[in-house]
Amino acid sequence: MTSRTGRGRALDHWPVRVLMRRSEIDRGAWSYPRWELTGILPDPDPPPGRVSRVVHETDRTLDLEWIGLSIPLFRDAAESYWYNLVGREPSLFVICRAGTDIDLEPFLVTANYDEAGAHMEADDQVLATPLPQAFGPALEQFVMQHYRPEPPRKRQRTRWSDDESPTGE
């Protein structure tokens, strides 16, 4: 299976369950939905397709669980995973779009900082959660195995004395 972003074949997939809460926020005479990511859990026994189910419901909130998603890992994204790991708050990102049955539905989970930013620029909704302990060591191991930083290079200085003068003399 090739990735949705055209980066080739994923080296690994981590099956996950995504937990989200939808609540209604009142602003005067209007109300609008507010979505929050409540958790990402490893899924040891994923189903063959993506399935959503209601976990809990009240008159103002709806807790949903999406099953059948996974975190793909790509060799050429290892640098972005590394920046995510050494950043202020390592995170996982859930990329969402309008769904058929509900106003927001996750379609991608990633640890790729750059990919999350690209989806934000494309007006997809990106929800983030701190990197769960269950994924940290495995992501670090993937980065250590596949990321090789480029060695620092000294910049070559331009020799201005060898150039002609601006008047052409």
Foldseek 3Di string as FASTA:
>chain_A
DADPVRPGDFPDKFWKKWKKKWFWDDDPPDIDIDMATPDIGTDPDADPAWDKDWPDDDPGMTIMMITDAIETHDLVLLVQLVCLLPDPFRKKKFWWQQDDVHGIDTDHIYSRPVVLVVSVVVVTDIHIDGDDPVCVVVSVVSSVVRDDDDDDDDDDDDDPVPDADPVRD
